[in-house]
Full PDB file with SEQRES, HELIX, SHEET, SSBOND, CRYST1, ORIGX, SCALE, CONECT and MASTER records, all heavy atoms in Angstrom:
SEQRES   1 A   35  THR ALA GLY CYS PRO GLU TYR LYS LEU LEU LEU LYS GLU          
SEQRES   2 A   35  LYS ILE ASN LEU LYS THR GLY GLU ILE GLN LEU LEU PHE          
SEQRES   3 A   35  ARG SER PRO SER TYR HIS GLU ASN PRO                          
SHEET    1 AA1 2 LEU A  11  ILE A  15  0                                        
SHEET    2 AA1 2 ILE A  22  ARG A  27 -1                                        
CRYST1    1.000    1.000    1.000  90.00  90.00  90.00 P 1           1          
ORIGX1      1.000000  0.000000  0.000000        0.00000                         
ORIGX2      0.000000  1.000000  0.000000        0.00000                         
ORIGX3      0.000000  0.000000  1.000000        0.00000                         
SCALE1      1.000000  0.000000  0.000000        0.00000                         
SCALE2      0.000000  1.000000  0.000000        0.00000                         
SCALE3      0.000000  0.000000  1.000000        0.00000                         
ATOM      1  N   THR A   1     -94.513 -67.366-169.313  1.00  0.00           N  
ATOM      2  CA  THR A   1     -94.614 -67.383-167.841  1.00  0.00           C  
ATOM      3  C   THR A   1     -95.637 -66.393-167.342  1.00  0.00           C  
ATOM      4  O   THR A   1     -95.790 -66.213-166.133  1.00  0.00           O  
ATOM      5  CB  THR A   1     -93.236 -67.049-167.225  1.00  0.00           C  
ATOM      6  OG1 THR A   1     -92.743 -65.823-167.728  1.00  0.00           O  
ATOM      7  CG2 THR A   1     -92.228 -68.184-167.510  1.00  0.00           C  
ATOM      8  N   ALA A   2     -96.385 -65.738-168.229  1.00  0.00           N  
ATOM      9  CA  ALA A   2     -97.444 -64.850-167.815  1.00  0.00           C  
ATOM     10  C   ALA A   2     -98.472 -65.564-166.966  1.00  0.00           C  
ATOM     11  O   ALA A   2     -98.962 -66.599-167.364  1.00  0.00           O  
ATOM     12  CB  ALA A   2     -98.087 -64.193-169.029  1.00  0.00           C  
ATOM     13  N   GLY A   3     -98.740 -65.055-165.792  1.00  0.00           N  
ATOM     14  CA  GLY A   3     -99.695 -65.661-164.893  1.00  0.00           C  
ATOM     15  C   GLY A   3     -99.110 -66.719-163.966  1.00  0.00           C  
ATOM     16  O   GLY A   3     -99.809 -67.227-163.107  1.00  0.00           O  
ATOM     17  N   CYS A   4     -97.826 -67.066-164.162  1.00  0.00           N  
ATOM     18  CA  CYS A   4     -97.198 -68.099-163.313  1.00  0.00           C  
ATOM     19  C   CYS A   4     -96.657 -67.428-162.032  1.00  0.00           C  
ATOM     20  O   CYS A   4     -96.061 -66.347-162.111  1.00  0.00           O  
ATOM     21  CB  CYS A   4     -96.057 -68.765-164.038  1.00  0.00           C  
ATOM     22  SG  CYS A   4     -96.553 -69.743-165.457  1.00  0.00           S  
ATOM     23  N   PRO A   5     -96.821 -68.065-160.864  1.00  0.00           N  
ATOM     24  CA  PRO A   5     -96.266 -67.512-159.632  1.00  0.00           C  
ATOM     25  C   PRO A   5     -94.725 -67.443-159.734  1.00  0.00           C  
ATOM     26  O   PRO A   5     -94.094 -68.406-160.085  1.00  0.00           O  
ATOM     27  CB  PRO A   5     -96.716 -68.495-158.569  1.00  0.00           C  
ATOM     28  CG  PRO A   5     -97.843 -69.229-159.152  1.00  0.00           C  
ATOM     29  CD  PRO A   5     -97.572 -69.278-160.603  1.00  0.00           C  
ATOM     30  N   GLU A   6     -94.174 -66.263-159.372  1.00  0.00           N  
ATOM     31  CA  GLU A   6     -92.728 -66.101-159.442  1.00  0.00           C  
ATOM     32  C   GLU A   6     -92.066 -66.289-158.082  1.00  0.00           C  
ATOM     33  O   GLU A   6     -92.577 -65.811-157.073  1.00  0.00           O  
ATOM     34  CB  GLU A   6     -92.371 -64.702-159.960  1.00  0.00           C  
ATOM     35  CG  GLU A   6     -90.867 -64.462-160.103  1.00  0.00           C  
ATOM     36  CD  GLU A   6     -90.520 -63.100-160.660  1.00  0.00           C  
ATOM     37  OE1 GLU A   6     -91.450 -62.363-161.058  1.00  0.00           O  
ATOM     38  OE2 GLU A   6     -89.318 -62.752-160.670  1.00  0.00           O  
ATOM     39  N   TYR A   7     -90.968 -67.020-158.079  1.00  0.00           N  
ATOM     40  CA  TYR A   7     -90.158 -67.187-156.865  1.00  0.00           C  
ATOM     41  C   TYR A   7     -89.026 -66.197-156.890  1.00  0.00           C  
ATOM     42  O   TYR A   7     -88.488 -65.841-157.940  1.00  0.00           O  
ATOM     43  CB  TYR A   7     -89.551 -68.590-156.822  1.00  0.00           C  
ATOM     44  CG  TYR A   7     -90.544 -69.690-156.458  1.00  0.00           C  
ATOM     45  CD1 TYR A   7     -91.215 -70.395-157.471  1.00  0.00           C  
ATOM     46  CD2 TYR A   7     -90.814 -70.006-155.127  1.00  0.00           C  
ATOM     47  CE1 TYR A   7     -92.085 -71.423-157.154  1.00  0.00           C  
ATOM     48  CE2 TYR A   7     -91.702 -71.039-154.825  1.00  0.00           C  
ATOM     49  CZ  TYR A   7     -92.338 -71.707-155.842  1.00  0.00           C  
ATOM     50  OH  TYR A   7     -93.230 -72.706-155.526  1.00  0.00           O  
ATOM     51  N   LYS A   8     -88.606 -65.767-155.723  1.00  0.00           N  
ATOM     52  CA  LYS A   8     -87.418 -64.934-155.593  1.00  0.00           C  
ATOM     53  C   LYS A   8     -86.191 -65.834-155.548  1.00  0.00           C  
ATOM     54  O   LYS A   8     -86.123 -66.805-154.768  1.00  0.00           O  
ATOM     55  CB  LYS A   8     -87.472 -64.091-154.306  1.00  0.00           C  
ATOM     56  CG  LYS A   8     -86.250 -63.186-154.157  1.00  0.00           C  
ATOM     57  CD  LYS A   8     -86.357 -62.369-152.853  1.00  0.00           C  
ATOM     58  CE  LYS A   8     -85.119 -61.447-152.724  1.00  0.00           C  
ATOM     59  NZ  LYS A   8     -85.164 -60.665-151.480  1.00  0.00           N  
ATOM     60  N   LEU A   9     -85.201 -65.547-156.408  1.00  0.00           N  
ATOM     61  CA  LEU A   9     -83.991 -66.311-156.407  1.00  0.00           C  
ATOM     62  C   LEU A   9     -83.128 -65.860-155.235  1.00  0.00           C  
ATOM     63  O   LEU A   9     -82.770 -64.732-155.106  1.00  0.00           O  
ATOM     64  CB  LEU A   9     -83.202 -66.100-157.730  1.00  0.00           C  
ATOM     65  CG  LEU A   9     -81.914 -66.840-157.911  1.00  0.00           C  
ATOM     66  CD1 LEU A   9     -82.152 -68.350-157.829  1.00  0.00           C  
ATOM     67  CD2 LEU A   9     -81.290 -66.461-159.260  1.00  0.00           C  
ATOM     68  N   LEU A  10     -82.801 -66.826-154.326  1.00  0.00           N  
ATOM     69  CA  LEU A  10     -82.017 -66.544-153.138  1.00  0.00           C  
ATOM     70  C   LEU A  10     -80.555 -66.994-153.287  1.00  0.00           C  
ATOM     71  O   LEU A  10     -79.650 -66.308-152.807  1.00  0.00           O  
ATOM     72  CB  LEU A  10     -82.661 -67.222-151.937  1.00  0.00           C  
ATOM     73  CG  LEU A  10     -84.107 -66.832-151.645  1.00  0.00           C  
ATOM     74  CD1 LEU A  10     -84.661 -67.691-150.503  1.00  0.00           C  
ATOM     75  CD2 LEU A  10     -84.199 -65.360-151.264  1.00  0.00           C  
ATOM     76  N   LEU A  11     -80.378 -68.138-153.905  1.00  0.00           N  
ATOM     77  CA  LEU A  11     -79.036 -68.691-154.045  1.00  0.00           C  
ATOM     78  C   LEU A  11     -78.963 -69.579-155.300  1.00  0.00           C  
ATOM     79  O   LEU A  11     -79.921 -70.294-155.632  1.00  0.00           O  
ATOM     80  CB  LEU A  11     -78.741 -69.571-152.801  1.00  0.00           C  
ATOM     81  CG  LEU A  11     -77.357 -70.270-152.802  1.00  0.00           C  
ATOM     82  CD1 LEU A  11     -76.249 -69.251-152.458  1.00  0.00           C  
ATOM     83  CD2 LEU A  11     -77.341 -71.415-151.803  1.00  0.00           C  
ATOM     84  N   LYS A  12     -77.836 -69.470-155.987  1.00  0.00           N  
ATOM     85  CA  LYS A  12     -77.605 -70.387-157.127  1.00  0.00           C  
ATOM     86  C   LYS A  12     -76.158 -70.792-157.134  1.00  0.00           C  
ATOM     87  O   LYS A  12     -75.253 -69.947-157.135  1.00  0.00           O  
ATOM     88  CB  LYS A  12     -77.997 -69.754-158.452  1.00  0.00           C  
ATOM     89  CG  LYS A  12     -77.807 -70.677-159.636  1.00  0.00           C  
ATOM     90  CD  LYS A  12     -78.520 -70.198-160.916  1.00  0.00           C  
ATOM     91  CE  LYS A  12     -78.084 -68.877-161.390  1.00  0.00           C  
ATOM     92  NZ  LYS A  12     -78.601 -68.547-162.745  1.00  0.00           N  
ATOM     93  N   GLU A  13     -75.912 -72.132-157.164  1.00  0.00           N  
ATOM     94  CA  GLU A  13     -74.589 -72.679-157.174  1.00  0.00           C  
ATOM     95  C   GLU A  13     -74.436 -73.644-158.353  1.00  0.00           C  
ATOM     96  O   GLU A  13     -75.387 -74.298-158.752  1.00  0.00           O  
ATOM     97  CB  GLU A  13     -74.292 -73.434-155.873  1.00  0.00           C  
ATOM     98  CG  GLU A  13     -74.330 -72.597-154.645  1.00  0.00           C  
ATOM     99  CD  GLU A  13     -74.235 -73.426-153.348  1.00  0.00           C  
ATOM    100  OE1 GLU A  13     -74.676 -74.600-153.360  1.00  0.00           O  
ATOM    101  OE2 GLU A  13     -73.735 -72.903-152.355  1.00  0.00           O  
ATOM    102  N   LYS A  14     -73.236 -73.756-158.860  1.00  0.00           N  
ATOM    103  CA  LYS A  14     -72.883 -74.718-159.910  1.00  0.00           C  
ATOM    104  C   LYS A  14     -71.878 -75.661-159.319  1.00  0.00           C  
ATOM    105  O   LYS A  14     -70.754 -75.264-158.967  1.00  0.00           O  
ATOM    106  CB  LYS A  14     -72.335 -73.995-161.120  1.00  0.00           C  
ATOM    107  CG  LYS A  14     -72.078 -74.884-162.331  1.00  0.00           C  
ATOM    108  CD  LYS A  14     -71.645 -74.019-163.513  1.00  0.00           C  
ATOM    109  CE  LYS A  14     -71.483 -74.814-164.784  1.00  0.00           C  
ATOM    110  NZ  LYS A  14     -71.065 -73.973-165.957  1.00  0.00           N  
ATOM    111  N   ILE A  15     -72.229 -76.935-159.225  1.00  0.00           N  
ATOM    112  CA  ILE A  15     -71.414 -77.960-158.529  1.00  0.00           C  
ATOM    113  C   ILE A  15     -70.814 -78.903-159.546  1.00  0.00           C  
ATOM    114  O   ILE A  15     -71.538 -79.526-160.324  1.00  0.00           O  
ATOM    115  CB  ILE A  15     -72.299 -78.716-157.499  1.00  0.00           C  
ATOM    116  CG1 ILE A  15     -72.954 -77.727-156.530  1.00  0.00           C  
ATOM    117  CG2 ILE A  15     -71.440 -79.726-156.750  1.00  0.00           C  
ATOM    118  CD1 ILE A  15     -74.077 -78.339-155.717  1.00  0.00           C  
ATOM    119  N   ASN A  16     -69.522 -79.043-159.482  1.00  0.00           N  
ATOM    120  CA  ASN A  16     -68.822 -80.042-160.324  1.00  0.00           C  
ATOM    121  C   ASN A  16     -68.968 -81.388-159.639  1.00  0.00           C  
ATOM    122  O   ASN A  16     -68.457 -81.619-158.513  1.00  0.00           O  
ATOM    123  CB  ASN A  16     -67.349 -79.657-160.481  1.00  0.00           C  
ATOM    124  CG  ASN A  16     -66.622 -80.544-161.486  1.00  0.00           C  
ATOM    125  OD1 ASN A  16     -66.695 -81.776-161.405  1.00  0.00           O  
ATOM    126  ND2 ASN A  16     -65.920 -79.958-162.430  1.00  0.00           N  
ATOM    127  N   LEU A  17     -69.674 -82.334-160.280  1.00  0.00           N  
ATOM    128  CA  LEU A  17     -69.977 -83.622-159.657  1.00  0.00           C  
ATOM    129  C   LEU A  17     -68.735 -84.507-159.566  1.00  0.00           C  
ATOM    130  O   LEU A  17     -68.752 -85.471-158.779  1.00  0.00           O  
ATOM    131  CB  LEU A  17     -71.091 -84.313-160.447  1.00  0.00           C  
ATOM    132  CG  LEU A  17     -72.438 -83.585-160.429  1.00  0.00           C  
ATOM    133  CD1 LEU A  17     -73.433 -84.302-161.348  1.00  0.00           C  
ATOM    134  CD2 LEU A  17     -73.004 -83.490-159.009  1.00  0.00           C  
ATOM    135  N   LYS A  18     -67.727 -84.234-160.337  1.00  0.00           N  
ATOM    136  CA  LYS A  18     -66.481 -85.048-160.309  1.00  0.00           C  
ATOM    137  C   LYS A  18     -65.568 -84.568-159.191  1.00  0.00           C  
ATOM    138  O   LYS A  18     -64.968 -85.398-158.468  1.00  0.00           O  
ATOM    139  CB  LYS A  18     -65.762 -85.002-161.646  1.00  0.00           C  
ATOM    140  CG  LYS A  18     -66.446 -85.762-162.734  1.00  0.00           C  
ATOM    141  CD  LYS A  18     -65.597 -85.829-164.001  1.00  0.00           C  
ATOM    142  CE  LYS A  18     -66.210 -86.722-165.051  1.00  0.00           C  
ATOM    143  NZ  LYS A  18     -65.394 -86.816-166.291  1.00  0.00           N  
ATOM    144  N   THR A  19     -65.415 -83.259-159.027  1.00  0.00           N  
ATOM    145  CA  THR A  19     -64.454 -82.716-158.075  1.00  0.00           C  
ATOM    146  C   THR A  19     -65.105 -82.218-156.788  1.00  0.00           C  
ATOM    147  O   THR A  19     -64.406 -82.024-155.793  1.00  0.00           O  
ATOM    148  CB  THR A  19     -63.668 -81.563-158.713  1.00  0.00           C  
ATOM    149  OG1 THR A  19     -64.585 -80.463-158.950  1.00  0.00           O  
ATOM    150  CG2 THR A  19     -63.028 -81.981-160.017  1.00  0.00           C  
ATOM    151  N   GLY A  20     -66.401 -81.996-156.853  1.00  0.00           N  
ATOM    152  CA  GLY A  20     -67.071 -81.421-155.682  1.00  0.00           C  
ATOM    153  C   GLY A  20     -66.939 -79.925-155.547  1.00  0.00           C  
ATOM    154  O   GLY A  20     -67.462 -79.317-154.612  1.00  0.00           O  
ATOM    155  N   GLU A  21     -66.226 -79.294-156.494  1.00  0.00           N  
ATOM    156  CA  GLU A  21     -66.031 -77.835-156.455  1.00  0.00           C  
ATOM    157  C   GLU A  21     -67.365 -77.131-156.629  1.00  0.00           C  
ATOM    158  O   GLU A  21     -68.180 -77.477-157.484  1.00  0.00           O  
ATOM    159  CB  GLU A  21     -65.093 -77.416-157.552  1.00  0.00           C  
ATOM    160  CG  GLU A  21     -64.819 -75.914-157.606  1.00  0.00           C  
ATOM    161  CD  GLU A  21     -63.954 -75.512-158.775  1.00  0.00           C  
ATOM    162  OE1 GLU A  21     -63.475 -76.364-159.509  1.00  0.00           O  
ATOM    163  OE2 GLU A  21     -63.718 -74.277-158.931  1.00  0.00           O  
ATOM    164  N   ILE A  22     -67.596 -76.092-155.816  1.00  0.00           N  
ATOM    165  CA  ILE A  22     -68.836 -75.321-155.871  1.00  0.00           C  
ATOM    166  C   ILE A  22     -68.566 -73.888-156.312  1.00  0.00           C  
ATOM    167  O   ILE A  22     -67.737 -73.216-155.701  1.00  0.00           O  
ATOM    168  CB  ILE A  22     -69.523 -75.327-154.479  1.00  0.00           C  
ATOM    169  CG1 ILE A  22     -69.871 -76.743-154.021  1.00  0.00           C  
ATOM    170  CG2 ILE A  22     -70.803 -74.454-154.517  1.00  0.00           C  
ATOM    171  CD1 ILE A  22     -70.445 -76.795-152.614  1.00  0.00           C  
ATOM    172  N   GLN A  23     -69.183 -73.507-157.365  1.00  0.00           N  
ATOM    173  CA  GLN A  23     -69.065 -72.125-157.890  1.00  0.00           C  
ATOM    174  C   GLN A  23     -70.331 -71.363-157.519  1.00  0.00           C  
ATOM    175  O   GLN A  23     -71.430 -71.758-157.891  1.00  0.00           O  
ATOM    176  CB  GLN A  23     -68.887 -72.156-159.397  1.00  0.00           C  
ATOM    177  CG  GLN A  23     -68.744 -70.731-159.993  1.00  0.00           C  
ATOM    178  CD  GLN A  23     -68.670 -70.779-161.535  1.00  0.00           C  
ATOM    179  OE1 GLN A  23     -68.664 -71.854-162.148  1.00  0.00           O  
ATOM    180  NE2 GLN A  23     -68.616 -69.631-162.131  1.00  0.00           N  
ATOM    181  N   LEU A  24     -70.156 -70.286-156.798  1.00  0.00           N  
ATOM    182  CA  LEU A  24     -71.304 -69.440-156.400  1.00  0.00           C  
ATOM    183  C   LEU A  24     -71.663 -68.551-157.563  1.00  0.00           C  
ATOM    184  O   LEU A  24     -70.869 -67.716-158.009  1.00  0.00           O  
ATOM    185  CB  LEU A  24     -70.972 -68.622-155.176  1.00  0.00           C  
ATOM    186  CG  LEU A  24     -72.069 -67.663-154.678  1.00  0.00           C  
ATOM    187  CD1 LEU A  24     -73.306 -68.433-154.240  1.00  0.00           C  
ATOM    188  CD2 LEU A  24     -71.533 -66.741-153.542  1.00  0.00           C  
ATOM    189  N   LEU A  25     -72.891 -68.684-158.072  1.00  0.00           N  
ATOM    190  CA  LEU A  25     -73.362 -67.895-159.227  1.00  0.00           C  
ATOM    191  C   LEU A  25     -74.170 -66.691-158.759  1.00  0.00           C  
ATOM    192  O   LEU A  25     -74.184 -65.658-159.436  1.00  0.00           O  
ATOM    193  CB  LEU A  25     -74.165 -68.765-160.167  1.00  0.00           C  
ATOM    194  CG  LEU A  25     -73.413 -69.916-160.827  1.00  0.00           C  
ATOM    195  CD1 LEU A  25     -74.372 -70.760-161.657  1.00  0.00           C  
ATOM    196  CD2 LEU A  25     -72.272 -69.447-161.668  1.00  0.00           C  
ATOM    197  N   PHE A  26     -74.865 -66.859-157.641  1.00  0.00           N  
ATOM    198  CA  PHE A  26     -75.704 -65.789-157.119  1.00  0.00           C  
ATOM    199  C   PHE A  26     -76.075 -66.039-155.670  1.00  0.00           C  
ATOM    200  O   PHE A  26     -76.353 -67.177-155.293  1.00  0.00           O  
ATOM    201  CB  PHE A  26     -77.009 -65.650-157.932  1.00  0.00           C  
ATOM    202  CG  PHE A  26     -77.936 -64.582-157.403  1.00  0.00           C  
ATOM    203  CD1 PHE A  26     -77.779 -63.254-157.702  1.00  0.00           C  
ATOM    204  CD2 PHE A  26     -79.002 -64.964-156.545  1.00  0.00           C  
ATOM    205  CE1 PHE A  26     -78.640 -62.254-157.194  1.00  0.00           C  
ATOM    206  CE2 PHE A  26     -79.843 -63.992-156.039  1.00  0.00           C  
ATOM    207  CZ  PHE A  26     -79.669 -62.650-156.346  1.00  0.00           C  
ATOM    208  N   ARG A  27     -76.030 -64.985-154.900  1.00  0.00           N  
ATOM    209  CA  ARG A  27     -76.544 -65.066-153.510  1.00  0.00           C  
ATOM    210  C   ARG A  27     -77.223 -63.742-153.204  1.00  0.00           C  
ATOM    211  O   ARG A  27     -76.616 -62.667-153.345  1.00  0.00           O  
ATOM    212  CB  ARG A  27     -75.432 -65.311-152.498  1.00  0.00           C  
ATOM    213  CG  ARG A  27     -75.975 -65.396-151.051  1.00  0.00           C  
ATOM    214  CD  ARG A  27     -74.830 -65.344-150.022  1.00  0.00           C  
ATOM    215  NE  ARG A  27     -74.036 -66.540-150.058  1.00  0.00           N  
ATOM    216  CZ  ARG A  27     -74.311 -67.613-149.314  1.00  0.00           C  
ATOM    217  NH1 ARG A  27     -75.383 -67.660-148.525  1.00  0.00           N  
ATOM    218  NH2 ARG A  27     -73.530 -68.687-149.385  1.00  0.00           N  
ATOM    219  N   SER A  28     -78.496 -63.776-152.787  1.00  0.00           N  
ATOM    220  CA  SER A  28     -79.178 -62.614-152.367  1.00  0.00           C  
ATOM    221  C   SER A  28     -78.592 -62.112-151.059  1.00  0.00           C  
ATOM    222  O   SER A  28     -78.276 -62.925-150.153  1.00  0.00           O  
ATOM    223  CB  SER A  28     -80.667 -62.900-152.180  1.00  0.00           C  
ATOM    224  OG  SER A  28     -81.327 -61.848-151.523  1.00  0.00           O  
ATOM    225  N   PRO A  29     -78.392 -60.799-150.889  1.00  0.00           N  
ATOM    226  CA  PRO A  29     -77.865 -60.264-149.632  1.00  0.00           C  
ATOM    227  C   PRO A  29     -78.723 -60.631-148.437  1.00  0.00           C  
ATOM    228  O   PRO A  29     -78.236 -60.687-147.300  1.00  0.00           O  
ATOM    229  CB  PRO A  29     -77.859 -58.759-149.864  1.00  0.00           C  
ATOM    230  CG  PRO A  29     -77.816 -58.597-151.338  1.00  0.00           C  
ATOM    231  CD  PRO A  29     -78.564 -59.751-151.891  1.00  0.00           C  
ATOM    232  N   SER A  30     -80.006 -60.919-148.698  1.00  0.00           N  
ATOM    233  CA  SER A  30     -80.919 -61.255-147.587  1.00  0.00           C  
ATOM    234  C   SER A  30     -80.936 -62.714-147.198  1.00  0.00           C  
ATOM    235  O   SER A  30     -81.592 -63.099-146.250  1.00  0.00           O  
ATOM    236  CB  SER A  30     -82.346 -60.777-147.985  1.00  0.00           C  
ATOM    237  OG  SER A  30     -82.806 -61.564-149.070  1.00  0.00           O  
ATOM    238  N   TYR A  31     -80.213 -63.550-147.999  1.00  0.00           N  
ATOM    239  CA  TYR A  31     -80.277 -65.000-147.762  1.00  0.00           C  
ATOM    240  C   TYR A  31     -79.114 -65.459-146.883  1.00  0.00           C  
ATOM    241  O   TYR A  31     -77.951 -65.195-147.145  1.00  0.00           O  
ATOM    242  CB  TYR A  31     -80.235 -65.772-149.084  1.00  0.00           C  
ATOM    243  CG  TYR A  31     -80.291 -67.281-148.859  1.00  0.00           C  
ATOM    244  CD1 TYR A  31     -81.446 -67.890-148.357  1.00  0.00           C  
ATOM    245  CD2 TYR A  31     -79.185 -68.039-149.144  1.00  0.00           C  
ATOM    246  CE1 TYR A  31     -81.450 -69.248-148.142  1.00  0.00           C  
ATOM    247  CE2 TYR A  31     -79.206 -69.406-148.948  1.00  0.00           C  
ATOM    248  CZ  TYR A  31     -80.333 -70.021-148.445  1.00  0.00           C  
ATOM    249  OH  TYR A  31     -80.365 -71.376-148.215  1.00  0.00           O  
ATOM    250  N   HIS A  32     -79.468 -66.223-145.848  1.00  0.00           N  
ATOM    251  CA  HIS A  32     -78.504 -66.826-144.952  1.00  0.00           C  
ATOM    252  C   HIS A  32     -78.872 -68.274-144.759  1.00  0.00           C  
ATOM    253  O   HIS A  32     -79.900 -68.596-144.144  1.00  0.00           O  
ATOM    254  CB  HIS A  32     -78.482 -66.105-143.585  1.00  0.00           C  
ATOM    255  CG  HIS A  32     -78.150 -64.632-143.725  1.00  0.00           C  
ATOM    256  ND1 HIS A  32     -76.891 -64.150-143.953  1.00  0.00           N  
ATOM    257  CD2 HIS A  32     -78.990 -63.524-143.645  1.00  0.00           C  
ATOM    258  CE1 HIS A  32     -76.898 -62.856-144.032  1.00  0.00           C  
ATOM    259  NE2 HIS A  32     -78.159 -62.428-143.854  1.00  0.00           N  
ATOM    260  N   GLU A  33     -78.057 -69.173-145.297  1.00  0.00           N  
ATOM    261  CA  GLU A  33     -78.343 -70.593-145.208  1.00  0.00           C  
ATOM    262  C   GLU A  33     -78.033 -71.138-143.845  1.00  0.00           C  
ATOM    263  O   GLU A  33     -76.983 -70.813-143.268  1.00  0.00           O  
ATOM    264  CB  GLU A  33     -77.553 -71.339-146.307  1.00  0.00           C  
ATOM    265  CG  GLU A  33     -78.008 -72.760-146.518  1.00  0.00           C  
ATOM    266  CD  GLU A  33     -77.475 -73.342-147.807  1.00  0.00           C  
ATOM    267  OE1 GLU A  33     -76.539 -72.752-148.389  1.00  0.00           O  
ATOM    268  OE2 GLU A  33     -78.016 -74.383-148.253  1.00  0.00           O  
ATOM    269  N   ASN A  34     -78.928 -71.999-143.367  1.00  0.00           N  
ATOM    270  CA  ASN A  34     -78.687 -72.631-142.060  1.00  0.00           C  
ATOM    271  C   ASN A  34     -77.506 -73.566-142.134  1.00  0.00           C  
ATOM    272  O   ASN A  34     -77.385 -74.315-143.102  1.00  0.00           O  
ATOM    273  CB  ASN A  34     -79.932 -73.392-141.606  1.00  0.00           C  
ATOM    274  CG  ASN A  34     -81.086 -72.511-141.309  1.00  0.00           C  
ATOM    275  OD1 ASN A  34     -80.915 -71.357-140.900  1.00  0.00           O  
ATOM    276  ND2 ASN A  34     -82.297 -72.958-141.587  1.00  0.00           N  
ATOM    277  N   PRO A  35     -76.596 -73.575-141.127  1.00  0.00           N  
ATOM    278  CA  PRO A  35     -75.447 -74.451-141.173  1.00  0.00           C  
ATOM    279  C   PRO A  35     -75.862 -75.920-141.039  1.00  0.00           C  
ATOM    280  O   PRO A  35     -76.903 -76.217-140.540  1.00  0.00           O  
ATOM    281  CB  PRO A  35     -74.633 -73.999-139.947  1.00  0.00           C  
ATOM    282  CG  PRO A  35     -75.615 -73.360-139.030  1.00  0.00           C  
ATOM    283  CD  PRO A  35     -76.673 -72.729-139.911  1.00  0.00           C  
TER     284      PRO A  35                                                      
MASTER        0    0    0    0    2    0    0    6  283    1    0    3          
END                                                                             
């Protein structure tokens, strides 16, 4: 990844496609998702 532009990770979720359950894996304190 040397020389590749890096993105800041703001949010990461793991979604169970069968049940719809959402597991929050990461959220940046600075990130606020629009409703």
